[in-house]
Protein backbone atom coordinates (compact mmCIF):
# COMPACT_ATOMS: atom_id res chain seq x y z
CA MET A 1 -0.19 -0.09 -0.10
CA LEU A 2 2.86 2.27 1.03
CA ASP A 3 4.61 1.78 -2.72
CA THR A 4 1.44 2.46 -4.81
CA LEU A 5 1.15 5.92 -2.62
CA TRP A 6 4.87 6.37 -3.43
CA GLN A 7 3.93 5.92 -6.85
CA THR A 8 1.14 8.22 -7.41
CA TRP A 9 3.16 10.96 -5.65
CA CYS A 10 6.13 10.20 -8.20
CA VAL A 11 3.59 10.35 -11.03
CA THR A 12 2.09 13.77 -10.20
CA TYR A 13 5.99 15.48 -9.77
CA VAL A 14 6.58 14.11 -13.32
CA HIS A 15 3.35 15.48 -14.73
CA ASN A 16 4.05 19.28 -13.12
CA ALA A 17 7.44 18.87 -14.29
CA LEU A 18 6.48 18.20 -17.82
CA LYS A 19 4.46 21.63 -18.08
CA PRO A 20 7.66 23.60 -18.15
CA ARG A 21 8.90 22.11 -21.07
CA PHE A 22 5.78 23.00 -23.38
CA ALA A 23 5.72 26.56 -21.95
CA ARG A 24 9.18 27.14 -23.11
CA ARG A 25 8.18 25.87 -27.08
CA ASP A 26 5.44 28.46 -26.89
CA PRO A 27 3.81 30.37 -23.56
CA LEU A 28 0.46 30.79 -25.23
CA VAL A 29 0.38 27.38 -26.26
CA SER A 30 1.29 26.18 -22.54
CA MET A 31 -1.36 28.53 -21.46
CA ASP A 32 -3.66 27.25 -23.80
CA VAL A 33 -3.08 23.53 -22.13
CA ALA A 34 -3.49 24.92 -18.92
CA ASP A 35 -6.43 26.89 -19.58
CA ALA A 36 -8.41 23.65 -21.43
CA PRO A 37 -11.68 23.16 -20.24
CA SER A 38 -11.03 19.38 -19.67
CA SER A 39 -11.66 18.08 -16.00
CA SER A 40 -8.99 15.58 -16.26
CA MET A 41 -6.16 18.26 -16.62
CA SER A 42 -6.48 19.25 -13.03
CA LEU A 43 -6.60 17.27 -9.62
CA PRO A 44 -9.96 17.46 -8.13
CA SER A 45 -10.32 20.10 -5.92
CA SER A 46 -12.78 18.74 -3.50
CA PRO A 47 -10.95 16.55 -0.59
CA PRO A 48 -10.37 13.26 -1.22
CA PRO A 49 -13.47 10.85 -0.09
CA ALA A 50 -13.12 9.31 3.57
CA THR A 51 -13.02 5.76 1.61
CA ALA A 52 -9.27 7.14 0.84
CA ILE A 53 -7.89 5.99 3.75
CA GLU A 54 -9.26 2.51 3.46
CA ASP A 55 -8.37 1.48 -0.21
CA PRO A 56 -4.84 3.94 -1.53
CA GLU A 57 -4.42 1.56 -4.39
CA GLU A 58 -7.61 2.49 -5.99
CA ASP A 59 -6.54 6.45 -5.34
CA ALA A 60 -3.20 6.10 -7.08
CA SER A 61 -4.71 4.39 -9.90
CA ASN A 62 -7.19 7.12 -10.27
CA LEU A 63 -4.17 9.56 -10.28
CA ASN A 64 -2.15 7.69 -13.13
CA ARG A 65 -5.00 7.54 -15.23
CA ASP A 66 -5.69 11.15 -14.85
CA ALA A 67 -2.07 12.48 -15.74
CA ARG A 68 -1.96 10.15 -18.84
CA ALA A 69 -5.13 11.91 -19.91
CA ASP A 70 -3.64 15.61 -19.31
CA GLU A 71 -0.29 14.35 -21.25
CA HIS A 72 -2.67 13.09 -24.06
CA GLU A 73 -4.55 16.71 -24.49
CA GLU A 74 -1.52 18.78 -24.43
CA VAL A 75 0.06 17.29 -27.35
CA MET A 76 -3.49 17.30 -28.94
CA GLN A 77 -4.08 20.83 -28.38
CA GLU A 78 -0.07 21.85 -29.15
CA THR A 79 -0.59 22.02 -33.10
CA PRO A 80 -3.83 24.24 -33.29
CA THR A 81 -2.72 26.74 -31.03
CA LYS A 82 0.68 27.16 -32.89
CA GLN A 83 -1.48 27.46 -36.24
CA GLN A 84 -3.43 30.26 -34.48
CA GLU A 85 -0.15 32.25 -34.05
CA PRO A 86 -0.62 35.77 -35.44
CA SER A 87 1.96 36.83 -38.01
CA PRO A 88 4.52 39.41 -37.39
CA VAL A 89 3.92 42.93 -37.82
CA GLN A 90 4.04 44.05 -41.65
CA SER A 91 5.22 47.47 -42.52
CA GLY A 92 2.87 48.40 -44.77
CA GLY A 93 -0.26 50.40 -43.75
CA ASN A 94 -1.60 51.98 -40.63
CA ALA A 95 -4.73 49.68 -40.96
CA ASP A 96 -2.65 46.84 -40.68
CA ILE A 97 -0.53 47.95 -38.05
CA CYS A 98 -3.78 48.87 -35.94
CA THR A 99 -5.35 45.65 -36.42
CA GLN A 100 -2.05 43.75 -34.93
CA LEU A 101 -1.80 46.23 -32.21
CA HIS A 102 -5.55 45.36 -31.21
CA ALA A 103 -5.07 42.08 -31.97
CA TRP A 104 -1.76 41.99 -29.58
CA LYS A 105 -3.66 43.99 -26.89
CA GLU A 106 -6.34 41.11 -27.01
CA ARG A 107 -3.70 38.48 -27.19
CA SER A 108 -1.99 40.45 -23.68
CA THR A 109 -5.15 40.59 -21.96
CA ARG A 110 -6.17 36.70 -22.72
CA MET A 111 -2.65 36.14 -21.38
CA GLU A 112 -3.40 37.94 -18.29
CA GLN A 113 -6.29 36.16 -17.63
CA LEU A 114 -4.22 32.49 -18.43
CA LEU A 115 -1.96 33.54 -15.73
CA ALA A 116 -4.44 34.25 -13.29
CA LYS A 117 -6.17 30.79 -13.99
CA LYS A 118 -2.86 29.13 -14.10
CA ASN A 119 -2.20 30.68 -10.76
CA THR A 120 -5.23 29.41 -9.27
CA LYS A 121 -5.08 25.72 -10.50
CA ILE A 122 -1.21 25.52 -9.07
CA GLN A 123 -2.97 26.58 -5.84
CA GLU A 124 -5.35 23.85 -5.79
CA MET A 125 -2.79 21.56 -7.00
CA GLU A 126 -0.72 22.75 -4.01
CA GLU A 127 -3.71 21.99 -1.88
CA THR A 128 -4.23 18.52 -3.72
CA GLU A 129 -0.75 17.67 -2.64
CA ASN A 130 -0.98 19.07 0.84
CA LYS A 131 -4.29 16.89 1.08
CA LEU A 132 -2.22 13.83 -0.70
CA LYS A 133 0.34 14.09 2.37
CA ARG A 134 -2.30 14.55 4.84
CA LEU A 135 -4.05 11.46 3.23
CA LEU A 136 -0.43 9.89 3.53
CA ALA A 137 0.25 10.74 7.21
CA MET A 138 -3.00 9.33 8.15
CA ALA A 139 -2.55 6.01 6.22
CA LYS A 140 1.06 5.67 8.20
CA ARG A 141 -0.74 6.00 11.41
CA SER A 142 -3.37 3.89 10.47
CA ILE A 143 -0.42 1.05 9.56
CA ASP A 144 1.30 2.04 12.65
CA ASN A 145 -1.65 1.56 15.04
CA SER A 146 -2.92 -1.76 13.07
CA LYS A 147 0.52 -3.22 13.96
CA GLN A 148 0.44 -2.13 17.46
CA GLU A 149 -3.01 -3.93 17.84
CA LEU A 150 -1.96 -7.12 15.91
CA VAL A 151 1.30 -7.29 18.47
CA GLU A 152 -1.27 -6.78 21.61
CA LYS A 153 -3.87 -9.54 19.83
CA ASP A 154 -0.55 -12.23 19.30
CA ARG A 155 0.27 -11.51 22.86
CA VAL A 156 -3.24 -11.99 24.27
CA ILE A 157 -3.33 -15.35 22.06
CA GLN A 158 -0.14 -16.30 23.29
CA LYS A 159 -1.02 -16.32 26.95
CA LEU A 160 -4.55 -17.84 26.33
CA HIS A 161 -2.79 -20.49 24.57
CA LYS A 162 -0.32 -20.74 27.70
CA GLU A 163 -3.17 -20.82 30.18
CA LEU A 164 -4.81 -23.26 28.15
CA SER A 165 -1.83 -25.71 28.18
CA GLN A 166 -1.95 -24.79 32.20
CA SER A 167 -5.61 -25.82 32.43
CA GLN A 168 -4.85 -29.07 30.75
CA GLN A 169 -2.37 -29.88 32.72
CA ALA A 170 -3.83 -29.11 35.87
CA THR A 171 -6.84 -30.97 35.14
CA GLN A 172 -7.46 -34.21 36.68
CA SER A 173 -9.67 -37.27 36.63
CA TRP A 174 -12.42 -38.36 38.68
CA PHE A 175 -10.37 -41.16 40.10
CA VAL A 176 -7.45 -40.76 42.31
CA ASP A 177 -4.06 -41.82 40.98
CA THR A 178 -0.55 -40.87 41.87
CA SER A 179 -0.29 -37.49 40.15
CA THR A 180 -3.57 -36.43 42.12
CA ARG A 181 -2.53 -33.74 44.62
CA ASP A 182 -2.44 -34.43 48.12
CA PRO A 183 -5.67 -33.55 50.13
CA LYS A 184 -5.85 -30.64 52.81
CA LYS A 185 -9.36 -31.85 54.12
CA LEU A 186 -12.35 -33.87 53.19
CA LEU A 187 -15.24 -31.56 53.15
CA LEU A 188 -18.47 -33.94 51.66
CA LYS A 189 -18.92 -37.12 51.29
CA VAL A 190 -22.10 -38.52 48.71
CA ALA A 191 -22.78 -42.05 48.38
CA HIS A 192 -24.19 -42.05 44.51
CA GLY A 193 -25.06 -45.54 42.92
CA ASN A 194 -22.12 -47.91 43.55
CA VAL A 195 -19.60 -45.04 43.81
CA LEU A 196 -18.88 -42.69 46.63
CA TRP A 197 -17.64 -39.23 45.80
CA CYS A 198 -15.78 -36.67 47.78
CA PHE A 199 -15.80 -32.82 47.65
CA VAL A 200 -11.49 -32.16 48.31
CA GLU A 201 -9.67 -29.09 49.29
CA TYR A 202 -6.28 -29.43 47.85
CA ALA A 203 -3.17 -28.70 49.90
CA ASN A 204 -0.82 -25.98 48.57
CA GLU A 205 2.43 -26.60 47.44
CA ASN A 206 3.57 -23.24 48.54
CA GLU A 207 2.97 -22.58 52.43
CA LEU A 208 3.02 -18.81 51.39
CA ASP A 209 0.13 -18.87 48.79
CA ASP A 210 -3.24 -18.50 50.81
CA SER A 211 -5.02 -19.51 47.87
CA ARG A 212 -7.77 -22.74 47.94
CA GLU A 213 -8.19 -25.21 45.20
CA PHE A 214 -11.50 -28.08 45.36
CA ALA A 215 -12.61 -30.54 43.32
CA TRP A 216 -14.64 -33.94 43.12
CA HIS A 217 -13.20 -37.29 43.26
CA CYS A 218 -14.72 -40.59 43.19
CA PHE A 219 -13.98 -43.95 44.65
CA HIS A 220 -15.25 -47.55 45.27
CA SER A 221 -15.09 -48.10 48.88
CA GLU A 222 -14.32 -46.52 52.04
CA GLU A 223 -10.97 -48.11 52.16
CA GLU A 224 -10.00 -45.96 49.01
CA ILE A 225 -11.05 -42.61 50.61
CA GLN A 226 -9.02 -43.68 53.44
CA GLU A 227 -5.81 -44.68 51.57
CA TYR A 228 -6.10 -41.13 49.90
CA ALA A 229 -6.84 -39.41 53.31
CA ASN A 230 -3.58 -40.75 54.54
CA ARG A 231 -1.26 -39.18 52.13
CA ALA A 232 -2.00 -35.82 53.73
CA SER A 233 1.01 -34.79 56.03
CA GLY A 234 0.53 -33.52 58.89
CA GLU A 235 -2.39 -34.71 61.56
CA PRO A 236 -4.62 -37.48 59.97
CA LEU A 237 -7.73 -36.21 58.32
CA THR A 238 -11.16 -37.19 59.93
CA LEU A 239 -13.69 -38.64 57.20
CA PRO A 240 -16.93 -36.55 57.47
CA ASP A 241 -20.29 -38.34 57.34
CA PHE A 242 -22.11 -39.53 54.60
CA SER A 243 -24.11 -36.20 52.91
CA MET A 244 -28.07 -36.86 52.37
CA THR A 245 -29.37 -37.71 49.20
CA PRO A 246 -31.93 -35.58 47.48
CA SER A 247 -34.73 -37.74 48.61
CA GLU A 248 -33.69 -37.90 51.99
CA VAL A 249 -33.35 -34.22 52.41
CA ASP A 250 -37.19 -33.97 50.70
CA CYS A 251 -38.34 -36.07 53.55
CA VAL A 252 -36.61 -34.28 56.09
CA LYS A 253 -38.19 -31.05 54.89
CA ARG A 254 -41.58 -32.73 55.09
CA GLY A 255 -41.38 -33.89 58.71
CA LEU A 256 -39.86 -30.83 59.85
CA LYS A 257 -42.32 -28.87 58.00
CA VAL A 258 -45.25 -30.65 60.06
CA GLU A 259 -43.37 -30.49 63.23
CA ILE A 260 -43.25 -26.57 62.55
CA ASP A 261 -47.08 -26.75 62.01
CA ARG A 262 -47.74 -28.64 65.12
CA VAL A 263 -45.32 -26.48 67.27
CA GLN A 264 -47.25 -23.02 65.73
CA GLU A 265 -50.94 -24.52 66.41
CA GLU A 266 -49.77 -25.68 70.14
CA PHE A 267 -48.28 -21.85 70.50
CA ARG A 268 -51.65 -20.32 69.00
CA ARG A 269 -53.75 -22.36 71.70
CA TYR A 270 -51.10 -21.76 74.69
CA ARG A 271 -51.47 -17.70 73.68
CA VAL A 272 -55.26 -18.12 73.68
CA ARG A 273 -55.32 -19.72 77.11
CA SER A 274 -53.01 -17.18 78.40
CA GLU A 275 -54.92 -14.02 77.10
CA ILE A 276 -57.93 -15.85 78.85
CA THR A 277 -56.18 -16.21 82.01
CA ARG A 278 -54.67 -12.28 82.03
CA LYS A 279 -58.10 -11.39 81.70
CA GLN A 280 -59.52 -13.17 84.24
CA LYS A 281 -56.65 -11.63 86.54
CA ASP A 282 -57.29 -8.11 85.43
CA ALA A 283 -60.69 -8.27 86.48
CA GLU A 284 -60.17 -9.92 89.71
CA ILE A 285 -57.43 -7.05 90.58
CA ARG A 286 -60.18 -4.25 89.84
CA LYS A 287 -62.81 -6.00 91.77
CA ILE A 288 -60.19 -6.40 94.89
CA SER A 289 -59.16 -2.43 93.82
CA ALA A 290 -62.88 -1.22 93.84
CA ASN A 291 -63.50 -2.92 97.28
CA ALA A 292 -60.52 -1.60 98.97
CA VAL A 293 -61.23 2.05 97.79
CA THR A 294 -64.99 1.83 98.74
CA LYS A 295 -63.66 0.70 102.67
CA GLN A 296 -60.75 3.23 102.58
CA THR A 297 -63.73 5.93 101.37
CA GLU A 298 -66.05 4.50 104.05
CA LYS A 299 -63.06 5.26 106.97
CA ILE A 300 -62.28 8.50 105.76
CA SER A 301 -66.06 9.82 105.45
CA GLU A 302 -66.84 8.46 109.07
CA THR A 303 -63.88 10.24 110.60
CA ASP A 304 -64.32 13.37 108.36
CA LEU A 305 -68.30 13.82 108.82
CA LEU A 306 -67.94 16.20 112.08
CA GLY A 307 -65.58 18.36 109.88
CA GLU A 308 -67.53 18.35 106.65
CA LEU A 309 -70.44 19.38 108.96
CA GLN A 310 -68.63 22.47 110.34
CA SER A 311 -67.40 23.60 107.04
CA SER A 312 -71.02 23.40 105.63
CA LYS A 313 -72.12 25.93 108.27
CA ALA A 314 -69.38 28.00 107.81
CA GLN A 315 -69.81 28.48 103.95
CA VAL A 316 -73.98 28.87 104.97
CA ARG A 317 -72.71 31.64 107.07
CA ARG A 318 -71.02 33.14 104.58
CA LEU A 319 -73.58 32.86 102.07
CA THR A 320 -76.15 34.35 104.09
CA LYS A 321 -73.76 37.77 104.64
CA ALA A 322 -73.16 37.79 100.86
CA GLN A 323 -76.89 37.33 99.87
CA ALA A 324 -77.31 40.50 102.86
CA GLU A 325 -74.47 42.51 101.12
CA ALA A 326 -76.34 41.86 97.61
CA GLU A 327 -79.52 43.15 99.07
CA GLU A 328 -78.40 46.32 100.33
CA ARG A 329 -76.35 47.08 96.77
CA GLU A 330 -79.71 46.12 95.04
CA SER A 331 -81.33 49.09 97.53
CA GLY A 332 -78.81 51.58 96.87
CA TRP A 333 -78.95 51.01 92.53
CA ARG A 334 -82.81 50.88 93.14
CA ARG A 335 -82.34 54.59 95.10
CA LYS A 336 -80.12 55.50 92.58
CA PHE A 337 -82.16 54.57 89.70
CA ASP A 338 -85.14 56.61 91.48
CA ARG A 339 -83.13 59.58 91.49
CA LEU A 340 -81.96 59.49 88.21
CA VAL A 341 -85.98 59.08 86.81
CA LYS A 342 -86.68 62.14 88.66
CA ASP A 343 -83.68 63.87 87.13
CA TYR A 344 -85.01 62.89 83.66
CA GLU A 345 -88.21 64.11 84.40
CA LYS A 346 -87.06 67.19 85.45
CA LEU A 347 -84.88 67.95 82.30
CA SER A 348 -86.93 66.86 80.34
CA GLY A 349 -88.96 70.12 79.89
CA THR A 350 -85.62 71.89 80.00
CA MET A 351 -84.26 69.45 76.97
CA GLY A 352 -87.08 70.20 75.03
CA GLU A 353 -86.43 73.91 75.25
CA THR A 354 -82.81 73.57 74.35
CA ALA A 355 -83.99 71.47 71.09
CA LEU A 356 -86.54 73.74 70.27
CA ALA A 357 -83.87 76.52 70.68
CA MET A 358 -81.60 74.41 68.08
CA GLU A 359 -84.36 74.20 65.73
CA TRP A 360 -84.74 78.24 65.81
CA ARG A 361 -81.25 78.62 65.07
CA GLU A 362 -81.26 76.14 62.22
CA ARG A 363 -84.24 78.05 61.13
CA TYR A 364 -82.28 81.72 61.77
CA GLU A 365 -79.40 80.18 59.61
CA GLN A 366 -82.15 79.56 56.56
CA SER A 367 -83.74 82.70 56.75
CA LEU A 368 -80.47 84.52 56.35
CA LEU A 369 -80.27 82.54 53.41
CA GLU A 370 -83.09 83.68 52.03
CA LYS A 371 -82.57 87.12 52.66
CA GLN A 372 -79.09 87.32 50.64
CA GLU A 373 -81.61 85.67 47.90
CA LEU A 374 -84.00 88.16 48.24
CA GLU A 375 -81.46 90.90 47.67
CA LYS A 376 -80.73 89.48 44.93
CA LYS A 377 -83.83 89.37 43.48
CA VAL A 378 -84.35 92.99 44.13
CA LYS A 379 -82.28 94.22 41.14
CA GLU A 380 -84.13 91.49 38.91
CA LEU A 381 -87.38 92.85 39.99
CA ARG A 382 -86.10 96.37 39.55
CA GLN A 383 -85.26 95.54 36.00
CA VAL A 384 -87.88 93.75 34.85
CA ALA A 385 -90.26 96.74 35.57
CA ASN A 386 -91.80 98.37 32.73
CA GLY A 387 -94.31 101.43 32.12
CA ALA A 388 -97.22 98.81 31.66
CA LEU A 389 -96.50 97.21 34.88
CA GLY A 390 -95.55 100.79 37.09
CA LYS A 391 -98.13 100.84 39.49
CA ALA A 392 -97.86 97.06 39.90
CA SER A 393 -94.13 97.47 40.75
CA GLY A 394 -94.29 100.54 42.81
CA ASN A 395 -96.97 98.36 45.35
CA GLY A 396 -94.23 95.79 45.24
CA ASN A 397 -91.75 97.90 45.81
CA GLY A 398 -93.50 99.25 49.10
CA GLY A 399 -94.32 95.76 49.78
CA LEU A 400 -90.21 94.91 49.69
CA GLN A 401 -89.35 97.47 52.43
CA SER A 402 -92.06 96.35 54.68
CA LEU A 403 -91.02 92.77 54.54
CA ARG A 404 -87.39 93.99 54.95
CA GLN A 405 -88.78 95.94 58.22
CA GLU A 406 -90.83 92.88 59.54
CA PHE A 407 -87.67 90.59 58.59
CA ALA A 408 -85.27 92.60 60.67
CA GLU A 409 -87.63 92.50 63.68
CA TYR A 410 -88.09 88.61 63.09
CA ARG A 411 -83.91 88.05 63.04
CA LYS A 412 -83.72 90.06 66.41
CA SER A 413 -86.06 88.34 68.07
CA ALA A 414 -84.92 84.83 66.57
CA LEU A 415 -81.55 85.93 67.60
CA ASN A 416 -82.75 86.96 71.40
CA ALA A 417 -84.12 83.27 71.78
CA VAL A 418 -81.31 81.53 70.15
CA ASP A 419 -79.07 83.74 72.20
CA GLN A 420 -81.05 82.56 75.89
CA LYS A 421 -81.41 79.05 74.65
CA ASP A 422 -77.67 78.83 74.03
CA LYS A 423 -77.27 79.99 77.64
CA GLU A 424 -79.65 77.62 79.14
CA LEU A 425 -77.86 75.03 77.47
CA ASN A 426 -74.65 75.86 78.49
CA ASN A 427 -75.70 75.95 82.15
CA MET A 428 -77.20 72.44 81.93
CA GLN A 429 -73.93 70.88 80.31
CA ALA A 430 -72.07 72.32 83.26
CA GLN A 431 -74.35 70.78 85.77
CA TYR A 432 -74.14 67.69 83.92
CA ARG A 433 -70.56 67.75 84.00
CA GLU A 434 -70.07 68.32 87.54
CA ALA A 435 -72.10 65.66 88.86
CA GLY A 436 -70.53 63.20 86.32
CA ASP A 437 -73.22 62.51 84.04
CA GLU A 438 -72.07 64.08 80.83
CA SER A 439 -71.98 61.17 78.56
CA ARG A 440 -75.47 60.38 79.73
CA SER A 441 -76.60 63.85 79.30
CA VAL A 442 -75.23 64.07 75.75
CA ASN A 443 -77.31 60.61 74.66
CA ARG A 444 -80.63 62.51 76.12
CA ILE A 445 -79.92 65.46 73.89
CA ASN A 446 -79.42 63.44 70.91
CA SER A 447 -83.05 62.01 71.85
CA PHE A 448 -84.34 65.28 72.51
CA LYS A 449 -83.03 66.19 68.84
CA GLU A 450 -84.63 63.17 67.14
CA THR A 451 -88.43 64.66 68.71
CA ARG A 452 -87.71 68.09 67.97
CA ALA A 453 -90.15 68.31 64.84
CA ARG A 454 -92.91 66.32 66.95
CA ARG A 455 -92.75 68.95 69.81
CA THR A 456 -92.47 71.79 67.28
CA SER A 457 -95.34 70.90 65.23
CA MET A 458 -97.57 70.95 68.91
CA GLU A 459 -96.07 74.51 69.80
CA SER A 460 -97.16 76.15 66.53
CA ASN A 461 -100.39 75.28 67.39
CA SER A 462 -100.60 77.49 70.14
CA SER A 463 -98.70 80.27 68.46
CA LEU A 464 -98.04 80.78 64.69
CA SER A 465 -94.58 81.70 64.89
CA GLY A 466 -93.28 79.46 67.35
CA PHE A 467 -92.66 81.89 70.00
CA ASP A 468 -94.47 83.06 73.23
CA THR A 469 -93.49 86.54 73.13
CA PRO A 470 -95.00 89.67 72.63
CA ASN A 471 -93.81 89.56 68.95
CA ALA A 472 -96.68 87.17 67.83
CA MET A 473 -98.89 89.95 66.48
CA LYS A 474 -96.21 91.18 64.48
CA THR A 475 -95.39 87.75 62.82
CA ASN A 476 -99.22 87.31 61.87
CA GLU A 477 -98.93 90.64 60.66
CA TYR A 478 -95.83 89.59 58.27
CA LEU A 479 -97.75 86.10 57.44
CA LYS A 480 -101.00 88.15 56.53
CA ASN A 481 -99.01 90.65 53.98
CA ILE A 482 -96.81 87.93 52.61
CA VAL A 483 -99.93 85.70 51.82
CA TYR A 484 -101.49 89.07 50.45
CA LYS A 485 -98.65 89.62 47.76
CA TYR A 486 -98.76 86.43 46.96
CA MET A 487 -102.39 86.23 46.28
CA SER A 488 -101.96 89.66 44.36
CA SER A 489 -98.76 89.40 42.50
CA SER A 490 -98.47 87.66 38.90
CA GLN A 491 -94.76 87.10 39.00
CA ASN A 492 -93.76 83.33 39.24
CA GLU A 493 -90.27 84.21 40.93
CA ALA A 494 -91.61 86.40 43.59
CA LYS A 495 -94.32 83.82 44.31
CA GLY A 496 -91.31 81.37 44.65
CA HIS A 497 -89.35 83.56 47.25
CA MET A 498 -93.14 83.93 48.94
CA GLU A 499 -93.57 80.59 48.97
CA LYS A 500 -90.58 79.52 50.64
CA ALA A 501 -91.14 82.19 53.62
CA ILE A 502 -94.77 80.69 54.05
CA ALA A 503 -93.00 77.44 54.36
CA THR A 504 -90.54 78.41 57.07
CA ILE A 505 -92.85 80.37 59.09
CA LEU A 506 -95.57 77.56 59.32
CA ASN A 507 -93.08 74.87 59.82
CA PHE A 508 -93.44 72.74 56.55
CA THR A 509 -91.69 69.59 56.84
CA PRO A 510 -89.36 68.04 54.12
CA ALA A 511 -91.83 65.42 53.25
CA GLU A 512 -94.91 68.32 53.09
CA ILE A 513 -93.05 70.15 50.60
CA ALA A 514 -91.79 67.20 48.63
CA SER A 515 -95.71 66.20 48.38
CA ILE A 516 -96.61 69.73 47.51
CA GLN A 517 -94.03 69.81 44.39
CA GLU A 518 -94.93 66.06 43.29
CA LYS A 519 -98.84 67.82 42.95
CA ARG A 520 -97.76 71.05 41.09
CA GLN A 521 -95.58 68.88 38.71
CA GLN A 522 -98.48 66.32 37.85
CA GLN A 523 -101.03 69.25 37.74
CA GLY A 524 -98.36 71.02 35.11
CA GLN A 525 -97.40 74.47 36.90
CA GLN A 526 -94.46 75.64 38.11
CA GLY A 527 -93.67 75.69 41.88
CA TRP A 528 -90.55 77.04 43.90
CA PHE A 529 -90.68 74.98 46.66
CA TRP A 530 -87.48 72.99 45.99
């Protein structure tokens, strides 16, 4: 295989060396030959297949065939290339000179292209050569590895042959003879038919060797076994008893199984009897313990009966004393409750007045808001007035002045009443703080606030304005003027303000105002209640 690779390399080298010879004859011919389209003139640029390592002889034959094809094509192309060579430059005419120059330029261009292709092919050949060198190195390494493997396999074969010969030499026959090794111990003895078999442990020839070797040997009688045992050096060997045959072993196993079943049944019965006995003993022990405890309790009760009687009497006295104290506390709480009820009855009237004062304060604030709205509407009424309604507007302005005066008087009386009620409320709160019942009074005040609507409606029956003061006549006059202006006025805006004033004076509730507004909407009339 190495010779074939060497021949391939030589052929490639000769092929590369022949090309300069054609180049010396005619450089253009050599370039044309190198630029031939035939694929057989250049070595393949692709890397060799993987099978090249396995079959180098086939690669060598392919390279020789490619080299011969290249030489044949070069020889065939040499003659026509020389015939295509242009004639030398003639001296006649500028046209011929230009034509020749143009031809020489084209030839130079083609030569440059051919040189470039030549250089490319040279590089490809160098790469192919490097690949072949690497292939050769890989083949050498493969051969060396194969040689090493062969050497190792030869060693293994020799070792196996040696072991086989040793095993054949060490193989002994079943029967004992002079070549049989001396025994160290007879382990088993079995009778099978007319032959006695013994399992023997051989004695080591080297005392330092701790390995153990065993083998089976057959004998015809006990005397042969004894004779073979006497060959052992040192202390005489003791012959073992006969081992049981498989049938005997089966019989023994069946007998032992029956015995085990019998023992297990006896043990189960014994366990049941012992459990019953244990439960009986436990019942007797509990009964004896209960009797002992009863007797001991009776003795203790007889001795401690007097002490228990005395302790019971002392407990009765303590309970009687505690009951008397509880009755005293109950009477004290009852007296406090009666006193609080009386205080509540005394304060109920005062708190009602306080709630009424708070309500009038709210009315005052609402009246103040209405005053501001009336002042805004005055300007609008003045602008709305025209010549056709001059008289009506004059009467309205006079009514507005009277309304302002009445409102001022109403405001003054309301402020006085509110201030008076505030003073009374502050005095009552101070008294309750001193008595320590501030939280209870606050709760009562909240309850009075909830019932102020009912009290206000009841008081309004006796007094139209809600006050029992000398200003009641003025308030009635004010209400009369408002009703008169409302009935005589034709302006919806002025009527709306008058309706609010009437609802405030007569203490209309929000539910009543909402009911009136709903009826007005159903009738299709415009109202100013909210």
